[in-house]
Amino acid sequence: MKAAVYYENGGPEVLRYEDVPDPELRPGGILIDVRAIGIQGGDTLHRSRAPLTAVPHIVGYQCAGVVKALGDGVTEFQVGQPVVATMGNGSHASVVSVAARAAYAIPEGLSIEQAAAIPIEFGTAADCLFEFGGLQAGQSVLIHAGASGVGLAGIQLAKRAGATVLATASSDDRLARLAEYGCDHAINYVRDNWVEKAKAITGRGPDLIVDSVGGPVLQQSLEAVAYRGRVISVGRAGRDDSRQDTWPLVAKNASLVGVLLGVEMAVNAARTKPMIERLLADAAKGELRMAIDTTFPLAEAAAAHAFIESRQAFGRVLLIP
């Protein structure tokens, strides 16, 4: 099969398009002919710094396609059925092998390309907002990186839940588009002091802040959140590993919670599996929108990663094998 692989950590240029052996079909698992790969922010982060689990290494958390083969004991899927799946790594390939429990049937009315931009994005957003963020109707939430896949998912889910939604992005063009997804107040964090603007809009600071950037932005989030508010740390897109001073939370009886959907999927699949199935069903009914910025051939994975890291994308970038 073909795959985008690398032999060492680094920038997008380390990715190579090569022939590699087909993955093994395992008992309780399925093989998927991949038709669309939703590149996650974590994919670029892993490529740049995470330990390689094999050499060559195939990065990637999520892809969608059709079932190619069924392992022993698998009865919930059929060969030829459209599915989307999550994994620890390996999505940047033309064929993947996953446990059947990590795959989701794609409902009628939802394309394979759309499905490739749902489980991690919308599942992460839902956990940040509700399971760990405790967001309720009438409250306010600020979502950093509003034009990202998780950001756009969070804006829609928060608005649907009756919250006042604030979001940040780096360009006025992208900020203007956020209103289409339910954003009430868009803030240009490059030009404006977002902490002051968020406090001015809400009167006391947001009740909940979803922070996927980390570093200095996370420190500002701790300072901006309202009394008894919650800050969710869900990533380090800024690639800054500095530690934060949590004292600003103490004076406000506020809290900081870390969220990582992949761990929750492994530990609490009985909750996350039906949650993601509901999100897929809502998307199939047109209640949720997937913003797909552009697609690249799998052979151009390096260019796709570079485009994502340029911070020009609005929503997801897909790879097509």
C-alpha atoms as a PDB file:
ATOM      1  CA  MET A   1       0.000   0.000   0.000  1.00  0.00           C
ATOM      2  CA  LYS A   2       0.970   3.652  -0.247  1.00  0.00           C
ATOM      3  CA  ALA A   3       1.520   5.803   2.821  1.00  0.00           C
ATOM      4  CA  ALA A   4       2.988   9.094   3.973  1.00  0.00           C
ATOM      5  CA  VAL A   5       5.845   8.088   6.258  1.00  0.00           C
ATOM      6  CA  TYR A   6       8.795   9.617   8.051  1.00  0.00           C
ATOM      7  CA  TYR A   7      12.006   8.320   9.573  1.00  0.00           C
ATOM      8  CA  GLU A   8      12.700  11.133  12.014  1.00  0.00           C
ATOM      9  CA  ASN A   9      10.855  13.989  13.656  1.00  0.00           C
ATOM     10  CA  GLY A  10      10.885  17.369  11.984  1.00  0.00           C
ATOM     11  CA  GLY A  11       8.973  19.773   9.789  1.00  0.00           C
ATOM     12  CA  PRO A  12       6.558  18.781   7.024  1.00  0.00           C
ATOM     13  CA  GLU A  13       9.517  18.071   4.732  1.00  0.00           C
ATOM     14  CA  VAL A  14      10.289  14.816   6.610  1.00  0.00           C
ATOM     15  CA  LEU A  15       7.145  13.229   5.122  1.00  0.00           C
ATOM     16  CA  ARG A  16       7.746  10.859   2.212  1.00  0.00           C
ATOM     17  CA  TYR A  17       5.271   9.049  -0.016  1.00  0.00           C
ATOM     18  CA  GLU A  18       6.312   5.392  -0.151  1.00  0.00           C
ATOM     19  CA  ASP A  19       5.209   1.804  -0.605  1.00  0.00           C
ATOM     20  CA  VAL A  20       4.907  -0.020   2.714  1.00  0.00           C
ATOM     21  CA  PRO A  21       3.525  -3.455   3.650  1.00  0.00           C
ATOM     22  CA  ASP A  22      -0.230  -3.742   4.082  1.00  0.00           C
ATOM     23  CA  PRO A  23      -1.330  -3.743   7.745  1.00  0.00           C
ATOM     24  CA  GLU A  24      -2.271  -7.018   9.400  1.00  0.00           C
ATOM     25  CA  LEU A  25      -5.931  -7.929   9.886  1.00  0.00           C
ATOM     26  CA  ARG A  26      -6.311  -8.780  13.582  1.00  0.00           C
ATOM     27  CA  PRO A  27      -9.021 -10.760  15.416  1.00  0.00           C
ATOM     28  CA  GLY A  28     -11.762  -8.364  16.458  1.00  0.00           C
ATOM     29  CA  GLY A  29     -10.568  -5.838  13.904  1.00  0.00           C
ATOM     30  CA  ILE A  30     -11.260  -4.597  10.399  1.00  0.00           C
ATOM     31  CA  LEU A  31      -9.256  -3.415   7.414  1.00  0.00           C
ATOM     32  CA  ILE A  32     -10.411  -0.172   5.818  1.00  0.00           C
ATOM     33  CA  ASP A  33      -9.768   1.020   2.277  1.00  0.00           C
ATOM     34  CA  VAL A  34      -9.132   4.660   3.101  1.00  0.00           C
ATOM     35  CA  ARG A  35     -10.920   7.299   1.020  1.00  0.00           C
ATOM     36  CA  ALA A  36     -10.379  10.426   3.162  1.00  0.00           C
ATOM     37  CA  ILE A  37      -7.999  11.342   5.996  1.00  0.00           C
ATOM     38  CA  GLY A  38      -8.870  14.186   8.350  1.00  0.00           C
ATOM     39  CA  ILE A  39      -5.568  15.731   9.430  1.00  0.00           C
ATOM     40  CA  GLN A  40      -5.653  16.636  13.110  1.00  0.00           C
ATOM     41  CA  GLY A  41      -3.615  19.310  14.815  1.00  0.00           C
ATOM     42  CA  GLY A  42      -2.137  16.527  16.918  1.00  0.00           C
ATOM     43  CA  ASP A  43      -0.887  14.838  13.757  1.00  0.00           C
ATOM     44  CA  THR A  44       1.407  17.765  12.997  1.00  0.00           C
ATOM     45  CA  LEU A  45       2.497  17.940  16.634  1.00  0.00           C
ATOM     46  CA  HIS A  46       3.348  14.216  16.689  1.00  0.00           C
ATOM     47  CA  ARG A  47       5.248  14.490  13.417  1.00  0.00           C
ATOM     48  CA  SER A  48       7.397  17.254  14.836  1.00  0.00           C
ATOM     49  CA  ARG A  49       8.213  15.861  18.274  1.00  0.00           C
ATOM     50  CA  ALA A  50       6.567  12.605  19.423  1.00  0.00           C
ATOM     51  CA  PRO A  51       8.531   9.324  19.630  1.00  0.00           C
ATOM     52  CA  LEU A  52       8.174   7.083  16.568  1.00  0.00           C
ATOM     53  CA  THR A  53       6.409   3.790  17.267  1.00  0.00           C
ATOM     54  CA  ALA A  54       7.948   2.230  14.143  1.00  0.00           C
ATOM     55  CA  VAL A  55      10.436   3.147  11.419  1.00  0.00           C
ATOM     56  CA  PRO A  56       9.167   4.219   8.990  1.00  0.00           C
ATOM     57  CA  HIS A  57       6.375   5.796  11.017  1.00  0.00           C
ATOM     58  CA  ILE A  58       2.838   6.507   9.758  1.00  0.00           C
ATOM     59  CA  VAL A  59       1.205   9.329  11.660  1.00  0.00           C
ATOM     60  CA  GLY A  60      -2.512  10.111  11.958  1.00  0.00           C
ATOM     61  CA  TYR A  61      -5.516   9.760  14.265  1.00  0.00           C
ATOM     62  CA  GLN A  62      -8.549   9.581  11.965  1.00  0.00           C
ATOM     63  CA  CYS A  63      -9.715   8.457   8.538  1.00  0.00           C
ATOM     64  CA  ALA A  64     -12.798   7.228   6.718  1.00  0.00           C
ATOM     65  CA  GLY A  65     -13.381   4.740   3.944  1.00  0.00           C
ATOM     66  CA  VAL A  66     -15.032   1.388   3.279  1.00  0.00           C
ATOM     67  CA  VAL A  67     -14.555  -1.919   5.064  1.00  0.00           C
ATOM     68  CA  LYS A  68     -12.155  -4.139   3.124  1.00  0.00           C
ATOM     69  CA  ALA A  69     -12.019  -7.196   5.396  1.00  0.00           C
ATOM     70  CA  LEU A  70     -13.377  -8.442   8.717  1.00  0.00           C
ATOM     71  CA  GLY A  71     -11.315 -10.091  11.444  1.00  0.00           C
ATOM     72  CA  ASP A  72     -12.479 -13.080  13.453  1.00  0.00           C
ATOM     73  CA  GLY A  73     -15.433 -12.281  15.680  1.00  0.00           C
ATOM     74  CA  VAL A  74     -16.499  -9.072  13.939  1.00  0.00           C
ATOM     75  CA  THR A  75     -20.234  -9.077  13.221  1.00  0.00           C
ATOM     76  CA  GLU A  76     -21.216  -5.392  13.471  1.00  0.00           C
ATOM     77  CA  PHE A  77     -19.807  -4.406  10.059  1.00  0.00           C
ATOM     78  CA  GLN A  78     -19.975  -5.704   6.512  1.00  0.00           C
ATOM     79  CA  VAL A  79     -17.416  -5.641   3.717  1.00  0.00           C
ATOM     80  CA  GLY A  80     -18.037  -2.559   1.583  1.00  0.00           C
ATOM     81  CA  GLN A  81     -19.708  -0.593   4.401  1.00  0.00           C
ATOM     82  CA  PRO A  82     -18.661   3.066   4.790  1.00  0.00           C
ATOM     83  CA  VAL A  83     -16.987   3.724   8.161  1.00  0.00           C
ATOM     84  CA  VAL A  84     -14.913   6.328   9.971  1.00  0.00           C
ATOM     85  CA  ALA A  85     -12.299   5.247  12.490  1.00  0.00           C
ATOM     86  CA  THR A  86      -9.907   6.657  15.053  1.00  0.00           C
ATOM     87  CA  MET A  87      -6.498   5.271  15.981  1.00  0.00           C
ATOM     88  CA  GLY A  88      -3.305   6.079  17.834  1.00  0.00           C
ATOM     89  CA  ASN A  89      -1.408   6.421  14.563  1.00  0.00           C
ATOM     90  CA  GLY A  90      -1.497   5.138  10.997  1.00  0.00           C
ATOM     91  CA  SER A  91      -4.233   7.142   9.255  1.00  0.00           C
ATOM     92  CA  HIS A  92      -1.937   8.636   6.576  1.00  0.00           C
ATOM     93  CA  ALA A  93      -2.180   5.506   4.430  1.00  0.00           C
ATOM     94  CA  SER A  94      -4.327   3.889   1.758  1.00  0.00           C
ATOM     95  CA  VAL A  95      -5.262   0.971   4.062  1.00  0.00           C
ATOM     96  CA  VAL A  96      -5.587   0.905   7.855  1.00  0.00           C
ATOM     97  CA  SER A  97      -6.172  -1.827  10.416  1.00  0.00           C
ATOM     98  CA  VAL A  98      -8.218  -0.905  13.479  1.00  0.00           C
ATOM     99  CA  ALA A  99     -10.155  -2.599  16.229  1.00  0.00           C
ATOM    100  CA  ALA A 100     -13.836  -2.782  15.295  1.00  0.00           C
ATOM    101  CA  ARG A 101     -14.678  -0.912  18.497  1.00  0.00           C
ATOM    102  CA  ALA A 102     -12.719   2.099  17.157  1.00  0.00           C
ATOM    103  CA  ALA A 103     -14.831   2.311  13.989  1.00  0.00           C
ATOM    104  CA  TYR A 104     -18.211   3.973  13.445  1.00  0.00           C
ATOM    105  CA  ALA A 105     -20.755   3.287  10.719  1.00  0.00           C
ATOM    106  CA  ILE A 106     -21.297   6.356   8.535  1.00  0.00           C
ATOM    107  CA  PRO A 107     -25.027   7.166   8.542  1.00  0.00           C
ATOM    108  CA  GLU A 108     -26.933   7.606   5.328  1.00  0.00           C
ATOM    109  CA  GLY A 109     -26.849  11.218   4.190  1.00  0.00           C
ATOM    110  CA  LEU A 110     -23.245  11.764   5.304  1.00  0.00           C
ATOM    111  CA  SER A 111     -20.371  11.540   2.835  1.00  0.00           C
ATOM    112  CA  ILE A 112     -17.110   9.756   3.579  1.00  0.00           C
ATOM    113  CA  GLU A 113     -15.285  13.093   3.320  1.00  0.00           C
ATOM    114  CA  GLN A 114     -17.617  14.744   5.832  1.00  0.00           C
ATOM    115  CA  ALA A 115     -17.355  11.797   8.223  1.00  0.00           C
ATOM    116  CA  ALA A 116     -13.552  12.075   8.148  1.00  0.00           C
ATOM    117  CA  ALA A 117     -13.930  15.420   9.962  1.00  0.00           C
ATOM    118  CA  ILE A 118     -16.252  14.420  12.812  1.00  0.00           C
ATOM    119  CA  PRO A 119     -15.300  11.959  15.601  1.00  0.00           C
ATOM    120  CA  ILE A 120     -12.213  13.617  17.071  1.00  0.00           C
ATOM    121  CA  GLU A 121     -13.264  17.189  16.276  1.00  0.00           C
ATOM    122  CA  PHE A 122     -16.827  17.041  17.553  1.00  0.00           C
ATOM    123  CA  GLY A 123     -16.116  14.476  20.269  1.00  0.00           C
ATOM    124  CA  THR A 124     -13.331  16.626  21.685  1.00  0.00           C
ATOM    125  CA  ALA A 125     -15.473  19.753  21.529  1.00  0.00           C
ATOM    126  CA  ALA A 126     -18.400  18.013  23.240  1.00  0.00           C
ATOM    127  CA  ASP A 127     -16.223  16.734  26.070  1.00  0.00           C
ATOM    128  CA  CYS A 128     -14.590  20.135  26.573  1.00  0.00           C
ATOM    129  CA  LEU A 129     -17.926  21.922  26.687  1.00  0.00           C
ATOM    130  CA  PHE A 130     -20.192  19.525  28.541  1.00  0.00           C
ATOM    131  CA  GLU A 131     -18.605  16.454  30.134  1.00  0.00           C
ATOM    132  CA  PHE A 132     -15.688  18.360  31.658  1.00  0.00           C
ATOM    133  CA  GLY A 133     -16.668  21.988  31.087  1.00  0.00           C
ATOM    134  CA  GLY A 134     -20.175  21.840  32.546  1.00  0.00           C
ATOM    135  CA  LEU A 135     -21.519  24.395  30.071  1.00  0.00           C
ATOM    136  CA  GLN A 136     -25.184  25.296  30.555  1.00  0.00           C
ATOM    137  CA  ALA A 137     -27.697  27.398  28.659  1.00  0.00           C
ATOM    138  CA  GLY A 138     -27.313  31.076  29.420  1.00  0.00           C
ATOM    139  CA  GLN A 139     -23.603  30.837  30.208  1.00  0.00           C
ATOM    140  CA  SER A 140     -20.773  32.248  28.131  1.00  0.00           C
ATOM    141  CA  VAL A 141     -17.906  30.324  26.542  1.00  0.00           C
ATOM    142  CA  LEU A 142     -14.779  31.527  24.778  1.00  0.00           C
ATOM    143  CA  ILE A 143     -13.234  29.105  22.284  1.00  0.00           C
ATOM    144  CA  HIS A 144      -9.663  29.712  21.191  1.00  0.00           C
ATOM    145  CA  ALA A 145      -8.659  28.861  17.604  1.00  0.00           C
ATOM    146  CA  GLY A 146     -12.261  29.232  16.499  1.00  0.00           C
ATOM    147  CA  ALA A 147     -11.464  28.471  12.852  1.00  0.00           C
ATOM    148  CA  SER A 148      -9.931  25.081  13.663  1.00  0.00           C
ATOM    149  CA  GLY A 149     -11.791  21.795  13.369  1.00  0.00           C
ATOM    150  CA  VAL A 150     -12.379  21.540  17.119  1.00  0.00           C
ATOM    151  CA  GLY A 151     -13.091  25.279  17.309  1.00  0.00           C
ATOM    152  CA  LEU A 152     -15.841  25.208  14.680  1.00  0.00           C
ATOM    153  CA  ALA A 153     -17.340  22.095  16.247  1.00  0.00           C
ATOM    154  CA  GLY A 154     -17.325  23.763  19.654  1.00  0.00           C
ATOM    155  CA  ILE A 155     -18.955  26.936  18.357  1.00  0.00           C
ATOM    156  CA  GLN A 156     -21.839  24.955  16.880  1.00  0.00           C
ATOM    157  CA  LEU A 157     -22.363  22.715  19.901  1.00  0.00           C
ATOM    158  CA  ALA A 158     -22.186  25.611  22.371  1.00  0.00           C
ATOM    159  CA  LYS A 159     -24.630  27.723  20.377  1.00  0.00           C
ATOM    160  CA  ARG A 160     -27.020  24.781  20.084  1.00  0.00           C
ATOM    161  CA  ALA A 161     -26.880  24.418  23.877  1.00  0.00           C
ATOM    162  CA  GLY A 162     -27.999  28.024  24.392  1.00  0.00           C
ATOM    163  CA  ALA A 163     -24.653  29.583  25.349  1.00  0.00           C
ATOM    164  CA  THR A 164     -23.238  32.958  24.336  1.00  0.00           C
ATOM    165  CA  VAL A 165     -20.256  32.071  22.159  1.00  0.00           C
ATOM    166  CA  LEU A 166     -17.018  34.022  21.868  1.00  0.00           C
ATOM    167  CA  ALA A 167     -14.132  32.832  19.694  1.00  0.00           C
ATOM    168  CA  THR A 168     -10.656  33.965  18.724  1.00  0.00           C
ATOM    169  CA  ALA A 169      -8.829  33.761  15.397  1.00  0.00           C
ATOM    170  CA  SER A 170      -5.910  35.540  13.741  1.00  0.00           C
ATOM    171  CA  SER A 171      -7.538  37.161  10.702  1.00  0.00           C
ATOM    172  CA  ASP A 172     -10.644  39.247  10.105  1.00  0.00           C
ATOM    173  CA  ASP A 173     -11.592  37.110   7.092  1.00  0.00           C
ATOM    174  CA  ARG A 174     -11.792  33.958   9.186  1.00  0.00           C
ATOM    175  CA  LEU A 175     -13.442  35.773  12.076  1.00  0.00           C
ATOM    176  CA  ALA A 176     -16.221  37.013   9.777  1.00  0.00           C
ATOM    177  CA  ARG A 177     -17.019  33.447   8.735  1.00  0.00           C
ATOM    178  CA  LEU A 178     -17.422  32.232  12.326  1.00  0.00           C
ATOM    179  CA  ALA A 179     -20.843  33.896  12.571  1.00  0.00           C
ATOM    180  CA  GLU A 180     -22.179  31.343  10.068  1.00  0.00           C
ATOM    181  CA  TYR A 181     -21.462  28.624  12.643  1.00  0.00           C
ATOM    182  CA  GLY A 182     -23.026  30.394  15.627  1.00  0.00           C
ATOM    183  CA  CYS A 183     -20.294  32.657  16.996  1.00  0.00           C
ATOM    184  CA  ASP A 184     -21.767  35.717  18.724  1.00  0.00           C
ATOM    185  CA  HIS A 185     -18.529  37.640  19.309  1.00  0.00           C
ATOM    186  CA  ALA A 186     -15.357  37.117  17.271  1.00  0.00           C
ATOM    187  CA  ILE A 187     -12.037  38.493  18.575  1.00  0.00           C
ATOM    188  CA  ASN A 188      -8.859  39.058  16.545  1.00  0.00           C
ATOM    189  CA  TYR A 189      -6.188  37.987  19.021  1.00  0.00           C
ATOM    190  CA  VAL A 190      -3.383  39.432  16.863  1.00  0.00           C
ATOM    191  CA  ARG A 191      -4.789  42.945  16.830  1.00  0.00           C
ATOM    192  CA  ASP A 192      -6.821  43.129  20.045  1.00  0.00           C
ATOM    193  CA  ASN A 193      -6.240  42.402  23.717  1.00  0.00           C
ATOM    194  CA  TRP A 194      -8.542  39.415  23.815  1.00  0.00           C
ATOM    195  CA  VAL A 195      -8.644  39.255  27.627  1.00  0.00           C
ATOM    196  CA  GLU A 196      -9.958  42.818  27.887  1.00  0.00           C
ATOM    197  CA  LYS A 197     -12.414  42.318  25.043  1.00  0.00           C
ATOM    198  CA  ALA A 198     -13.774  39.078  26.523  1.00  0.00           C
ATOM    199  CA  LYS A 199     -14.291  40.737  29.894  1.00  0.00           C
ATOM    200  CA  ALA A 200     -15.966  43.742  28.263  1.00  0.00           C
ATOM    201  CA  ILE A 201     -18.340  41.522  26.273  1.00  0.00           C
ATOM    202  CA  THR A 202     -19.315  39.265  29.178  1.00  0.00           C
ATOM    203  CA  GLY A 203     -19.048  41.798  32.006  1.00  0.00           C
ATOM    204  CA  ARG A 204     -17.002  39.485  34.218  1.00  0.00           C
ATOM    205  CA  GLY A 205     -15.105  37.106  31.988  1.00  0.00           C
ATOM    206  CA  PRO A 206     -16.348  33.948  30.227  1.00  0.00           C
ATOM    207  CA  ASP A 207     -17.853  31.194  32.358  1.00  0.00           C
ATOM    208  CA  LEU A 208     -15.874  28.655  30.338  1.00  0.00           C
ATOM    209  CA  ILE A 209     -12.745  28.955  28.200  1.00  0.00           C
ATOM    210  CA  VAL A 210     -11.651  26.168  25.855  1.00  0.00           C
ATOM    211  CA  ASP A 211      -7.907  26.564  25.279  1.00  0.00           C
ATOM    212  CA  SER A 212      -6.180  24.463  22.620  1.00  0.00           C
ATOM    213  CA  VAL A 213      -3.145  26.757  22.333  1.00  0.00           C
ATOM    214  CA  GLY A 214      -1.377  26.461  25.679  1.00  0.00           C
ATOM    215  CA  GLY A 215       1.654  28.418  26.853  1.00  0.00           C
ATOM    216  CA  PRO A 216       1.123  32.150  27.389  1.00  0.00           C
ATOM    217  CA  VAL A 217      -2.412  31.954  25.966  1.00  0.00           C
ATOM    218  CA  LEU A 218      -3.360  29.420  28.630  1.00  0.00           C
ATOM    219  CA  GLN A 219      -1.939  31.745  31.286  1.00  0.00           C
ATOM    220  CA  GLN A 220      -4.118  34.551  29.924  1.00  0.00           C
ATOM    221  CA  SER A 221      -7.107  32.201  29.960  1.00  0.00           C
ATOM    222  CA  LEU A 222      -6.599  31.595  33.683  1.00  0.00           C
ATOM    223  CA  GLU A 223      -6.643  35.351  34.209  1.00  0.00           C
ATOM    224  CA  ALA A 224      -9.663  35.997  31.949  1.00  0.00           C
ATOM    225  CA  VAL A 225     -12.101  33.366  33.225  1.00  0.00           C
ATOM    226  CA  ALA A 226     -15.032  34.436  35.412  1.00  0.00           C
ATOM    227  CA  TYR A 227     -15.522  33.816  39.122  1.00  0.00           C
ATOM    228  CA  ARG A 228     -16.101  30.075  39.623  1.00  0.00           C
ATOM    229  CA  GLY A 229     -15.410  29.632  35.923  1.00  0.00           C
ATOM    230  CA  ARG A 230     -13.692  26.718  34.220  1.00  0.00           C
ATOM    231  CA  VAL A 231     -10.703  26.630  31.886  1.00  0.00           C
ATOM    232  CA  ILE A 232     -10.239  23.577  29.696  1.00  0.00           C
ATOM    233  CA  SER A 233      -6.721  22.827  28.466  1.00  0.00           C
ATOM    234  CA  VAL A 234      -7.038  20.622  25.400  1.00  0.00           C
ATOM    235  CA  GLY A 235      -3.794  21.034  23.475  1.00  0.00           C
ATOM    236  CA  ARG A 236      -0.531  22.823  22.848  1.00  0.00           C
ATOM    237  CA  ALA A 237      -0.997  24.127  19.336  1.00  0.00           C
ATOM    238  CA  GLY A 238       1.356  26.976  20.224  1.00  0.00           C
ATOM    239  CA  ARG A 239       4.071  24.365  20.959  1.00  0.00           C
ATOM    240  CA  ASP A 240       5.080  26.204  24.096  1.00  0.00           C
ATOM    241  CA  ASP A 241       5.797  23.850  26.998  1.00  0.00           C
ATOM    242  CA  SER A 242       6.067  26.553  29.665  1.00  0.00           C
ATOM    243  CA  ARG A 243       4.266  25.940  32.942  1.00  0.00           C
ATOM    244  CA  GLN A 244       1.511  28.239  34.117  1.00  0.00           C
ATOM    245  CA  ASP A 245       0.937  30.025  37.402  1.00  0.00           C
ATOM    246  CA  THR A 246      -2.434  28.776  38.645  1.00  0.00           C
ATOM    247  CA  TRP A 247      -2.753  31.396  41.395  1.00  0.00           C
ATOM    248  CA  PRO A 248      -5.212  33.518  39.332  1.00  0.00           C
ATOM    249  CA  LEU A 249      -7.705  30.661  39.737  1.00  0.00           C
ATOM    250  CA  VAL A 250      -7.478  30.645  43.518  1.00  0.00           C
ATOM    251  CA  ALA A 251      -8.812  34.161  44.005  1.00  0.00           C
ATOM    252  CA  LYS A 252     -11.804  33.299  41.800  1.00  0.00           C
ATOM    253  CA  ASN A 253     -12.538  29.779  43.037  1.00  0.00           C
ATOM    254  CA  ALA A 254     -12.093  28.799  39.393  1.00  0.00           C
ATOM    255  CA  SER A 255     -10.802  25.535  37.980  1.00  0.00           C
ATOM    256  CA  LEU A 256      -8.459  24.195  35.313  1.00  0.00           C
ATOM    257  CA  VAL A 257      -9.200  20.816  33.716  1.00  0.00           C
ATOM    258  CA  GLY A 258      -7.195  18.898  31.139  1.00  0.00           C
ATOM    259  CA  VAL A 259      -9.048  17.006  28.407  1.00  0.00           C
ATOM    260  CA  LEU A 260      -7.726  14.341  26.039  1.00  0.00           C
ATOM    261  CA  LEU A 261     -10.430  12.497  24.110  1.00  0.00           C
ATOM    262  CA  GLY A 262      -8.180   9.590  23.149  1.00  0.00           C
ATOM    263  CA  VAL A 263      -7.642   8.636  26.784  1.00  0.00           C
ATOM    264  CA  GLU A 264     -11.339   9.003  27.558  1.00  0.00           C
ATOM    265  CA  MET A 265     -12.131   6.737  24.594  1.00  0.00           C
ATOM    266  CA  ALA A 266      -9.848   4.062  26.007  1.00  0.00           C
ATOM    267  CA  VAL A 267     -11.022   4.352  29.622  1.00  0.00           C
ATOM    268  CA  ASN A 268     -14.704   5.169  29.137  1.00  0.00           C
ATOM    269  CA  ALA A 269     -15.722   3.804  25.740  1.00  0.00           C
ATOM    270  CA  ALA A 270     -19.202   3.009  27.041  1.00  0.00           C
ATOM    271  CA  ARG A 271     -19.814   6.769  27.131  1.00  0.00           C
ATOM    272  CA  THR A 272     -17.744   8.077  24.222  1.00  0.00           C
ATOM    273  CA  LYS A 273     -18.877   5.532  21.620  1.00  0.00           C
ATOM    274  CA  PRO A 274     -22.597   6.453  21.721  1.00  0.00           C
ATOM    275  CA  MET A 275     -21.695  10.139  22.049  1.00  0.00           C
ATOM    276  CA  ILE A 276     -19.798  10.078  18.765  1.00  0.00           C
ATOM    277  CA  GLU A 277     -22.518   8.002  17.123  1.00  0.00           C
ATOM    278  CA  ARG A 278     -25.024  10.709  18.095  1.00  0.00           C
ATOM    279  CA  LEU A 279     -22.793  13.406  16.647  1.00  0.00           C
ATOM    280  CA  LEU A 280     -22.513  11.500  13.370  1.00  0.00           C
ATOM    281  CA  ALA A 281     -26.306  11.110  13.281  1.00  0.00           C
ATOM    282  CA  ASP A 282     -26.806  14.832  13.943  1.00  0.00           C
ATOM    283  CA  ALA A 283     -24.399  15.673  11.132  1.00  0.00           C
ATOM    284  CA  ALA A 284     -26.229  13.331   8.774  1.00  0.00           C
ATOM    285  CA  LYS A 285     -29.469  15.171   9.585  1.00  0.00           C
ATOM    286  CA  GLY A 286     -27.826  18.494   8.740  1.00  0.00           C
ATOM    287  CA  GLU A 287     -27.827  19.742  12.334  1.00  0.00           C
ATOM    288  CA  LEU A 288     -24.024  20.077  12.392  1.00  0.00           C
ATOM    289  CA  ARG A 289     -21.737  21.366   9.667  1.00  0.00           C
ATOM    290  CA  MET A 290     -18.271  20.170   8.716  1.00  0.00           C
ATOM    291  CA  ALA A 291     -16.015  22.875   7.324  1.00  0.00           C
ATOM    292  CA  ILE A 292     -13.566  21.289   4.885  1.00  0.00           C
ATOM    293  CA  ASP A 293     -11.097  23.900   3.711  1.00  0.00           C
ATOM    294  CA  THR A 294      -9.299  21.952   1.007  1.00  0.00           C
ATOM    295  CA  THR A 295      -8.043  18.512   0.020  1.00  0.00           C
ATOM    296  CA  PHE A 296      -4.605  17.260  -0.961  1.00  0.00           C
ATOM    297  CA  PRO A 297      -3.571  13.952  -2.515  1.00  0.00           C
ATOM    298  CA  LEU A 298      -1.944  11.640   0.022  1.00  0.00           C
ATOM    299  CA  ALA A 299       1.210  11.935  -2.069  1.00  0.00           C
ATOM    300  CA  GLU A 300       1.289  15.628  -1.081  1.00  0.00           C
ATOM    301  CA  ALA A 301       0.991  15.077   2.668  1.00  0.00           C
ATOM    302  CA  ALA A 302       4.010  17.308   3.272  1.00  0.00           C
ATOM    303  CA  ALA A 303       2.298  20.211   1.505  1.00  0.00           C
ATOM    304  CA  ALA A 304      -0.912  19.577   3.442  1.00  0.00           C
ATOM    305  CA  HIS A 305       0.916  19.664   6.782  1.00  0.00           C
ATOM    306  CA  ALA A 306       2.723  22.848   5.747  1.00  0.00           C
ATOM    307  CA  PHE A 307      -0.597  24.461   4.806  1.00  0.00           C
ATOM    308  CA  ILE A 308      -2.083  23.601   8.195  1.00  0.00           C
ATOM    309  CA  GLU A 309       0.935  24.997  10.012  1.00  0.00           C
ATOM    310  CA  SER A 310       0.652  28.232   8.038  1.00  0.00           C
ATOM    311  CA  ARG A 311      -2.630  28.812   9.966  1.00  0.00           C
ATOM    312  CA  GLN A 312      -4.514  29.686   6.804  1.00  0.00           C
ATOM    313  CA  ALA A 313      -7.013  26.837   6.931  1.00  0.00           C
ATOM    314  CA  PHE A 314     -10.658  27.309   7.923  1.00  0.00           C
ATOM    315  CA  GLY A 315     -11.787  23.977   9.325  1.00  0.00           C
ATOM    316  CA  ARG A 316     -10.306  20.672   8.274  1.00  0.00           C
ATOM    317  CA  VAL A 317      -7.782  19.754   5.603  1.00  0.00           C
ATOM    318  CA  LEU A 318      -8.232  16.280   4.085  1.00  0.00           C
ATOM    319  CA  LEU A 319      -5.829  13.895   2.410  1.00  0.00           C
ATOM    320  CA  ILE A 320      -7.214  11.707  -0.389  1.00  0.00           C
ATOM    321  CA  PRO A 321      -5.328   8.442  -1.142  1.00  0.00           C
END
